[in-house]
Amino acid sequence: MAIDLVSLIKQFLTPDMVQKLAATLGLDATQTQTAIGGAIPALLAGMAGTAKQPGGAQRLAEAANQQASALDGFAGMLDGSSQAGLVETGSKLVGSLLGSNTQTALSSAISTFSGLGQGAVTALLGAIAPAVLGIIGKQGGAQGFNAESLGALLGSQKNAIAGALPSRLGGLLEGSGVLDGLENVAGAAKTAGASAKQYAGASAAAAANAAQATAKGGRSWAVWAIPLALVVLGLWYFVGRQTPDAPPAERFVNKAVAPVTTAPPLLIGNLDVAQTLTDSLGTLKTSLEGVSDAASAQTALPQLQNVTAEIDKVGAVIGNATAEQKAAVKGLIDPIVAQLNPVIDRVLALPGVEALKPTIDGIKAKLASIAS
């Protein structure tokens, strides 16, 4: 079976480890899990970029080989004074391998993405970096990696890394240098940017139409109608846009720069429900599009589990929504689910992908409940 570094790292960093890490750093457990979920593919993307630089692959190979030997003791280093040493070592590794400017940009983006402070994210990256490198190193076996074999491994992971990166975090990292190691990103960004301009006029017109319609329907609905029109049009652009021949790296960039990332918020409590649904449904579509057989289904499964966790956040607050907010959420979900259903049906008809069905069915049930 092909190596999938993102899945291997996520499986290694168990929920118990994340809880322990959050507790000893004094961080919120949910925000910590969100941050780590984005940090894993982002760190790998940064390392893929380093591997393309002169001498970069050799430095990565040496670090990965060294951390592989310490991986068995990683869990024990999450407690007390040992954790402080782990964070310090890991932070130095990230800075030396990615460069201080890239390290700062990465911490800043994950801070915005997760809601954790930038200092907390820097510590978190330092804590998990040795595990990321150690798991990479383990793939080299007893002989370890040299520059060529390490570069080849990271090169083979680029599409999977791009597909695993949450869309909102990808947008925050655009132009930072962190994503330079992912092929086709620059060219696809130009294409997606041009498409975004094309749809800007349509979004503005839809907002104007929504404003006219709400004049007859009452002021309370008007609060949500215009943002909803923009969100739905943005989601229609992203989910409905047909890109069957684009490699996953290109599809990731389309996610990152699509207009939905700038849609007005639909806040229920402290959760931006519109953004959360936009990110999770976008990740769902991208993950499912990459499924063609049993192996790719296993690769997609952790991503679908992340989607489930994001949708659960919406489910946890929807009971506190007003009638107008619930109507707005329903109007956002229903047309997107209708367009996703054919994609889901195609995937579930494939042989060897049965492991995905419980998770997909769960996602559909949760969305139906939220929209009811």
Protein backbone atom coordinates (compact mmCIF):
# COMPACT_ATOMS: atom_id res chain seq x y z
CA MET A 1 0.00 0.00 0.00
CA ALA A 2 1.26 3.46 -0.83
CA ILE A 3 2.58 5.59 2.02
CA ASP A 4 0.25 8.38 3.21
CA LEU A 5 2.24 10.57 5.59
CA VAL A 6 -0.72 12.76 6.60
CA SER A 7 -2.75 9.75 7.73
CA LEU A 8 0.20 8.11 9.48
CA ILE A 9 0.93 11.27 11.48
CA LYS A 10 -2.73 11.81 12.41
CA GLN A 11 -3.00 8.20 13.56
CA PHE A 12 0.15 8.57 15.65
CA LEU A 13 -1.03 11.77 17.37
CA THR A 14 -3.93 10.12 19.17
CA PRO A 15 -6.75 12.07 20.85
CA ASP A 16 -5.19 11.23 24.23
CA MET A 17 -1.90 12.76 23.13
CA VAL A 18 -3.66 15.88 21.87
CA GLN A 19 -5.60 16.19 25.15
CA LYS A 20 -2.42 15.82 27.17
CA LEU A 21 -0.60 18.35 24.99
CA ALA A 22 -3.45 20.85 25.30
CA ALA A 23 -3.63 20.41 29.07
CA THR A 24 0.08 20.86 29.73
CA LEU A 25 0.25 23.90 27.43
CA GLY A 26 -2.91 25.35 28.98
CA LEU A 27 -4.82 25.37 25.67
CA ASP A 28 -8.40 24.63 24.67
CA ALA A 29 -8.59 21.00 23.52
CA THR A 30 -10.90 21.65 20.56
CA GLN A 31 -8.80 24.53 19.28
CA THR A 32 -5.67 22.44 19.76
CA GLN A 33 -7.15 19.60 17.69
CA THR A 34 -8.13 22.08 14.96
CA ALA A 35 -4.66 23.60 14.96
CA ILE A 36 -2.93 20.21 14.75
CA GLY A 37 -5.26 19.08 11.97
CA GLY A 38 -4.11 22.02 9.87
CA ALA A 39 -0.51 22.01 11.04
CA ILE A 40 0.25 18.47 9.86
CA PRO A 41 -0.30 19.05 6.12
CA ALA A 42 1.06 22.59 6.40
CA LEU A 43 4.32 21.39 7.95
CA LEU A 44 4.64 18.70 5.29
CA ALA A 45 4.02 21.30 2.58
CA GLY A 46 6.77 23.46 4.04
CA MET A 47 9.14 20.50 4.16
CA ALA A 48 8.34 19.65 0.54
CA GLY A 49 9.44 23.17 -0.33
CA THR A 50 12.62 22.81 1.70
CA ALA A 51 13.43 19.56 -0.11
CA LYS A 52 13.54 21.47 -3.42
CA GLN A 53 16.12 23.95 -2.12
CA PRO A 54 19.89 23.36 -2.43
CA GLY A 55 20.93 21.17 0.49
CA GLY A 56 17.39 21.14 1.85
CA ALA A 57 16.65 17.48 1.22
CA GLN A 58 19.88 16.46 2.95
CA ARG A 59 19.06 18.54 6.04
CA LEU A 60 15.57 17.05 6.15
CA ALA A 61 16.93 13.51 5.74
CA GLU A 62 19.34 13.97 8.63
CA ALA A 63 16.63 15.43 10.89
CA ALA A 64 14.14 12.69 9.97
CA ASN A 65 16.65 9.91 10.59
CA GLN A 66 17.56 11.40 13.96
CA GLN A 67 13.96 11.86 15.13
CA ALA A 68 12.92 8.38 13.99
CA SER A 69 15.08 6.86 16.72
CA ALA A 70 13.37 9.03 19.37
CA LEU A 71 9.80 8.45 18.19
CA ASP A 72 9.06 5.58 20.58
CA GLY A 73 9.59 7.91 23.54
CA PHE A 74 7.48 10.76 22.15
CA ALA A 75 4.38 10.12 24.28
CA GLY A 76 6.44 10.22 27.46
CA MET A 77 7.86 13.62 26.51
CA LEU A 78 4.43 15.29 26.61
CA ASP A 79 4.53 15.63 30.40
CA GLY A 80 6.07 18.31 32.58
CA SER A 81 9.65 19.42 32.06
CA SER A 82 10.19 16.91 29.25
CA GLN A 83 7.59 18.74 27.19
CA ALA A 84 9.46 22.03 27.54
CA GLY A 85 12.54 20.38 26.07
CA LEU A 86 10.47 18.83 23.31
CA VAL A 87 8.94 22.20 22.37
CA GLU A 88 12.34 23.90 22.37
CA THR A 89 13.93 21.19 20.22
CA GLY A 90 11.00 21.12 17.83
CA SER A 91 10.83 24.90 17.47
CA LYS A 92 14.51 24.99 16.56
CA LEU A 93 13.95 22.22 14.02
CA VAL A 94 11.05 24.06 12.37
CA GLY A 95 13.04 27.29 12.21
CA SER A 96 16.14 25.64 10.80
CA LEU A 97 14.29 23.54 8.21
CA LEU A 98 11.67 26.03 7.03
CA GLY A 99 13.37 29.33 7.81
CA SER A 100 12.32 31.82 10.47
CA ASN A 101 10.11 33.88 8.14
CA THR A 102 8.20 30.81 6.96
CA GLN A 103 7.92 29.58 10.55
CA THR A 104 6.39 32.91 11.60
CA ALA A 105 3.98 32.94 8.65
CA LEU A 106 2.89 29.39 9.43
CA SER A 107 2.29 30.16 13.11
CA SER A 108 0.32 33.29 12.24
CA ALA A 109 -1.93 31.50 9.74
CA ILE A 110 -2.67 28.58 12.07
CA SER A 111 -3.38 31.05 14.88
CA THR A 112 -6.04 32.76 12.77
CA PHE A 113 -7.38 29.41 11.57
CA SER A 114 -7.66 27.79 15.01
CA GLY A 115 -8.29 30.73 17.35
CA LEU A 116 -5.18 29.99 19.43
CA GLY A 117 -2.64 32.72 20.13
CA GLN A 118 0.39 32.83 17.86
CA GLY A 119 2.75 32.04 20.73
CA ALA A 120 0.68 29.00 21.63
CA VAL A 121 0.74 27.83 18.02
CA THR A 122 4.51 28.25 17.85
CA ALA A 123 4.82 26.03 20.93
CA LEU A 124 2.38 23.53 19.46
CA LEU A 125 4.33 23.33 16.20
CA GLY A 126 7.48 22.77 18.21
CA ALA A 127 5.83 19.95 20.13
CA ILE A 128 4.58 18.02 17.08
CA ALA A 129 7.46 18.68 14.67
CA PRO A 130 9.67 15.91 16.14
CA ALA A 131 6.79 13.45 15.68
CA VAL A 132 6.23 14.58 12.09
CA LEU A 133 9.92 14.17 11.30
CA GLY A 134 10.14 10.90 13.23
CA ILE A 135 7.30 9.33 11.28
CA ILE A 136 8.90 10.46 8.04
CA GLY A 137 12.16 8.94 9.22
CA LYS A 138 10.51 5.62 10.08
CA GLN A 139 9.55 5.19 6.43
CA GLY A 140 13.25 4.97 5.58
CA GLY A 141 13.64 1.67 7.42
CA ALA A 142 16.89 0.56 9.02
CA GLN A 143 19.02 2.26 6.37
CA GLY A 144 17.35 5.64 6.84
CA PHE A 145 16.97 8.31 4.18
CA ASN A 146 19.47 10.10 2.01
CA ALA A 147 18.71 13.36 0.23
CA GLU A 148 17.46 11.68 -2.93
CA SER A 149 15.13 9.16 -1.29
CA LEU A 150 13.72 11.75 1.13
CA GLY A 151 13.05 14.18 -1.70
CA ALA A 152 11.32 11.43 -3.67
CA LEU A 153 9.08 10.54 -0.72
CA LEU A 154 7.95 14.12 -0.15
CA GLY A 155 7.47 14.60 -3.87
CA SER A 156 5.12 11.62 -3.97
CA GLN A 157 3.01 13.13 -1.18
CA LYS A 158 2.25 16.55 -2.71
CA ASN A 159 -1.25 15.82 -3.96
CA ALA A 160 -2.25 14.13 -0.71
CA ILE A 161 -0.84 17.03 1.31
CA ALA A 162 -2.72 19.58 -0.80
CA GLY A 163 -5.93 17.59 -0.48
CA ALA A 164 -5.60 17.34 3.32
CA LEU A 165 -4.95 21.04 3.89
CA PRO A 166 -8.14 22.77 5.13
CA SER A 167 -9.36 25.27 2.54
CA ARG A 168 -9.46 28.24 4.89
CA LEU A 169 -5.93 27.60 6.15
CA GLY A 170 -4.79 27.23 2.54
CA GLY A 171 -6.19 30.67 1.80
CA LEU A 172 -4.40 32.16 4.81
CA LEU A 173 -1.10 30.62 3.66
CA GLU A 174 -1.29 31.88 0.08
CA GLY A 175 1.82 33.92 -0.74
CA SER A 176 3.54 33.03 2.54
CA GLY A 177 6.06 30.63 0.99
CA VAL A 178 4.78 27.68 3.03
CA LEU A 179 3.03 26.20 0.01
CA ASP A 180 5.83 26.72 -2.51
CA GLY A 181 6.65 23.02 -2.49
CA LEU A 182 3.24 22.03 -3.84
CA GLU A 183 3.32 21.71 -7.62
CA ASN A 184 0.99 23.74 -9.87
CA VAL A 185 -0.04 26.06 -7.03
CA ALA A 186 1.11 29.29 -8.66
CA GLY A 187 -0.42 28.64 -12.06
CA ALA A 188 -3.68 27.39 -10.63
CA ALA A 189 -3.93 30.42 -8.36
CA LYS A 190 -3.90 32.73 -11.35
CA THR A 191 -6.69 30.78 -13.03
CA ALA A 192 -8.78 30.65 -9.88
CA GLY A 193 -8.24 34.34 -9.25
CA ALA A 194 -9.54 35.19 -12.70
CA SER A 195 -12.58 32.99 -12.11
CA ALA A 196 -13.24 34.70 -8.79
CA LYS A 197 -13.38 38.08 -10.54
CA GLN A 198 -15.82 36.67 -13.07
CA TYR A 199 -18.21 35.64 -10.30
CA ALA A 200 -17.89 38.84 -8.29
CA GLY A 201 -20.43 40.63 -10.47
CA ALA A 202 -22.88 37.76 -10.16
CA SER A 203 -22.59 37.83 -6.38
CA ALA A 204 -23.24 41.56 -6.27
CA ALA A 205 -26.31 41.21 -8.49
CA ALA A 206 -27.64 38.38 -6.33
CA ALA A 207 -27.18 40.48 -3.21
CA ALA A 208 -29.15 43.31 -4.81
CA ASN A 209 -31.96 40.93 -5.74
CA ALA A 210 -31.99 39.55 -2.21
CA ALA A 211 -32.27 43.05 -0.81
CA GLN A 212 -35.29 43.78 -3.01
CA ALA A 213 -36.95 40.53 -2.01
CA THR A 214 -36.50 41.17 1.70
CA ALA A 215 -38.27 44.51 1.45
CA LYS A 216 -41.51 42.50 1.25
CA GLY A 217 -40.54 39.85 3.72
CA GLY A 218 -39.70 41.74 6.90
CA ARG A 219 -36.57 43.32 8.36
CA SER A 220 -35.44 40.32 10.43
CA TRP A 221 -34.97 38.17 7.31
CA ALA A 222 -33.07 40.98 5.62
CA VAL A 223 -30.30 40.61 8.19
CA TRP A 224 -29.53 37.17 6.75
CA ALA A 225 -30.71 37.28 3.15
CA ILE A 226 -27.86 39.29 1.67
CA PRO A 227 -25.06 37.35 3.42
CA LEU A 228 -26.85 34.13 2.51
CA ALA A 229 -27.03 35.09 -1.17
CA LEU A 230 -23.30 35.74 -1.21
CA VAL A 231 -22.47 32.55 0.67
CA VAL A 232 -24.68 30.33 -1.50
CA LEU A 233 -23.32 31.81 -4.72
CA GLY A 234 -19.79 31.37 -3.46
CA LEU A 235 -20.48 27.78 -2.49
CA TRP A 236 -22.19 27.13 -5.82
CA TYR A 237 -19.07 28.42 -7.56
CA PHE A 238 -16.79 26.18 -5.53
CA VAL A 239 -18.78 22.96 -5.27
CA GLY A 240 -20.45 23.09 -8.67
CA ARG A 241 -17.39 24.12 -10.67
CA GLN A 242 -16.34 21.18 -12.82
CA THR A 243 -12.62 20.39 -12.64
CA PRO A 244 -12.43 16.64 -13.33
CA ASP A 245 -9.01 16.82 -14.97
CA ALA A 246 -7.34 19.08 -12.41
CA PRO A 247 -4.84 17.39 -10.08
CA PRO A 248 -5.58 17.65 -6.34
CA ALA A 249 -3.00 20.41 -5.89
CA GLU A 250 -4.91 22.62 -8.34
CA ARG A 251 -8.24 21.81 -6.73
CA PHE A 252 -6.82 22.83 -3.38
CA VAL A 253 -5.84 26.25 -4.69
CA ASN A 254 -9.30 26.78 -6.13
CA LYS A 255 -10.64 26.14 -2.65
CA ALA A 256 -8.22 28.54 -1.09
CA VAL A 257 -9.03 31.55 -3.22
CA ALA A 258 -12.71 30.97 -3.98
CA PRO A 259 -15.01 33.87 -3.03
CA VAL A 260 -16.57 31.89 -0.20
CA THR A 261 -13.63 32.70 2.09
CA THR A 262 -14.69 36.35 2.15
CA ALA A 263 -18.45 35.79 2.53
CA PRO A 264 -20.15 37.70 5.36
CA PRO A 265 -20.21 35.68 8.60
CA LEU A 266 -23.29 33.86 9.86
CA LEU A 267 -22.54 33.77 13.56
CA ILE A 268 -24.32 31.49 16.01
CA GLY A 269 -22.71 32.00 19.37
CA ASN A 270 -19.03 32.38 18.59
CA LEU A 271 -19.07 30.04 15.59
CA ASP A 272 -19.06 31.34 12.02
CA VAL A 273 -21.42 28.69 10.68
CA ALA A 274 -21.16 29.83 7.06
CA GLN A 275 -17.36 29.55 7.05
CA THR A 276 -17.39 26.24 8.92
CA LEU A 277 -19.83 24.69 6.47
CA THR A 278 -17.99 26.18 3.51
CA ASP A 279 -14.69 24.66 4.61
CA SER A 280 -16.12 21.28 5.56
CA LEU A 281 -18.23 20.83 2.42
CA GLY A 282 -15.32 21.94 0.27
CA THR A 283 -13.03 19.43 1.95
CA LEU A 284 -15.71 16.75 1.54
CA LYS A 285 -15.97 17.37 -2.19
CA THR A 286 -12.22 17.43 -2.75
CA SER A 287 -11.69 14.27 -0.72
CA LEU A 288 -14.43 12.34 -2.52
CA GLU A 289 -13.20 13.43 -5.94
CA GLY A 290 -9.88 11.79 -5.15
CA VAL A 291 -11.41 8.39 -4.39
CA SER A 292 -11.04 5.82 -7.16
CA ASP A 293 -10.23 2.57 -5.35
CA ALA A 294 -9.76 0.99 -1.92
CA ALA A 295 -6.35 2.59 -1.33
CA SER A 296 -7.54 6.12 -2.11
CA ALA A 297 -10.61 5.49 0.06
CA GLN A 298 -8.33 4.78 3.02
CA THR A 299 -6.47 8.01 2.26
CA ALA A 300 -9.73 9.96 2.22
CA LEU A 301 -11.12 8.50 5.44
CA PRO A 302 -9.21 10.74 7.92
CA GLN A 303 -10.26 13.78 5.90
CA LEU A 304 -13.91 12.74 6.06
CA GLN A 305 -13.55 12.23 9.80
CA ASN A 306 -12.28 15.80 10.07
CA VAL A 307 -15.32 16.95 8.09
CA THR A 308 -17.54 15.13 10.59
CA ALA A 309 -15.86 16.95 13.47
CA GLU A 310 -16.42 20.33 11.79
CA ILE A 311 -20.09 19.59 11.07
CA ASP A 312 -20.49 18.52 14.71
CA LYS A 313 -19.48 22.05 15.71
CA VAL A 314 -22.42 23.40 13.73
CA GLY A 315 -24.72 20.77 15.20
CA ALA A 316 -23.68 21.82 18.70
CA VAL A 317 -24.82 25.43 18.21
CA ILE A 318 -27.76 25.13 15.82
CA GLY A 319 -30.15 24.66 18.74
CA ASN A 320 -29.35 28.22 19.82
CA ALA A 321 -30.12 29.70 16.40
CA THR A 322 -33.04 32.00 15.71
CA ALA A 323 -35.67 30.99 13.17
CA GLU A 324 -34.06 33.33 10.62
CA GLN A 325 -30.62 31.82 11.24
CA LYS A 326 -31.97 28.29 10.85
CA ALA A 327 -33.61 29.26 7.57
CA ALA A 328 -30.33 30.76 6.38
CA VAL A 329 -28.41 27.60 7.29
CA LYS A 330 -30.97 25.41 5.54
CA GLY A 331 -30.79 27.59 2.44
CA LEU A 332 -27.02 27.20 2.49
CA ILE A 333 -26.91 23.43 2.98
CA ASP A 334 -29.71 22.12 0.76
CA PRO A 335 -28.45 23.16 -2.70
CA ILE A 336 -24.90 22.08 -1.93
CA VAL A 337 -25.95 18.66 -0.69
CA ALA A 338 -28.00 18.23 -3.86
CA GLN A 339 -24.85 18.78 -5.93
CA LEU A 340 -22.72 16.55 -3.70
CA ASN A 341 -25.12 13.59 -3.87
CA PRO A 342 -24.03 12.45 -7.37
CA VAL A 343 -20.39 12.58 -6.25
CA ILE A 344 -21.24 10.51 -3.18
CA ASP A 345 -23.23 8.00 -5.25
CA ARG A 346 -20.29 7.56 -7.65
CA VAL A 347 -17.87 6.90 -4.81
CA LEU A 348 -20.09 4.44 -2.94
CA ALA A 349 -20.62 2.47 -6.15
CA LEU A 350 -16.88 1.74 -6.40
CA PRO A 351 -15.62 -1.68 -5.27
CA GLY A 352 -13.53 -1.76 -2.12
CA VAL A 353 -14.67 1.55 -0.59
CA GLU A 354 -17.15 0.12 1.92
CA ALA A 355 -15.15 1.58 4.81
CA LEU A 356 -16.26 5.07 3.77
CA LYS A 357 -19.99 4.39 3.86
CA PRO A 358 -20.61 4.74 7.64
CA THR A 359 -18.76 8.05 7.74
CA ILE A 360 -20.47 9.41 4.61
CA ASP A 361 -23.89 8.30 5.87
CA GLY A 362 -23.15 9.97 9.18
CA ILE A 363 -22.21 13.24 7.47
CA LYS A 364 -25.41 13.19 5.39
CA ALA A 365 -27.53 12.50 8.48
CA LYS A 366 -25.89 15.30 10.45
CA LEU A 367 -26.40 17.80 7.61
CA ALA A 368 -30.03 16.75 7.25
CA SER A 369 -30.57 17.22 10.98
CA ILE A 370 -28.95 20.66 10.97
CA ALA A 371 -31.03 21.75 7.97
CA SER A 372 -34.31 20.40 9.36
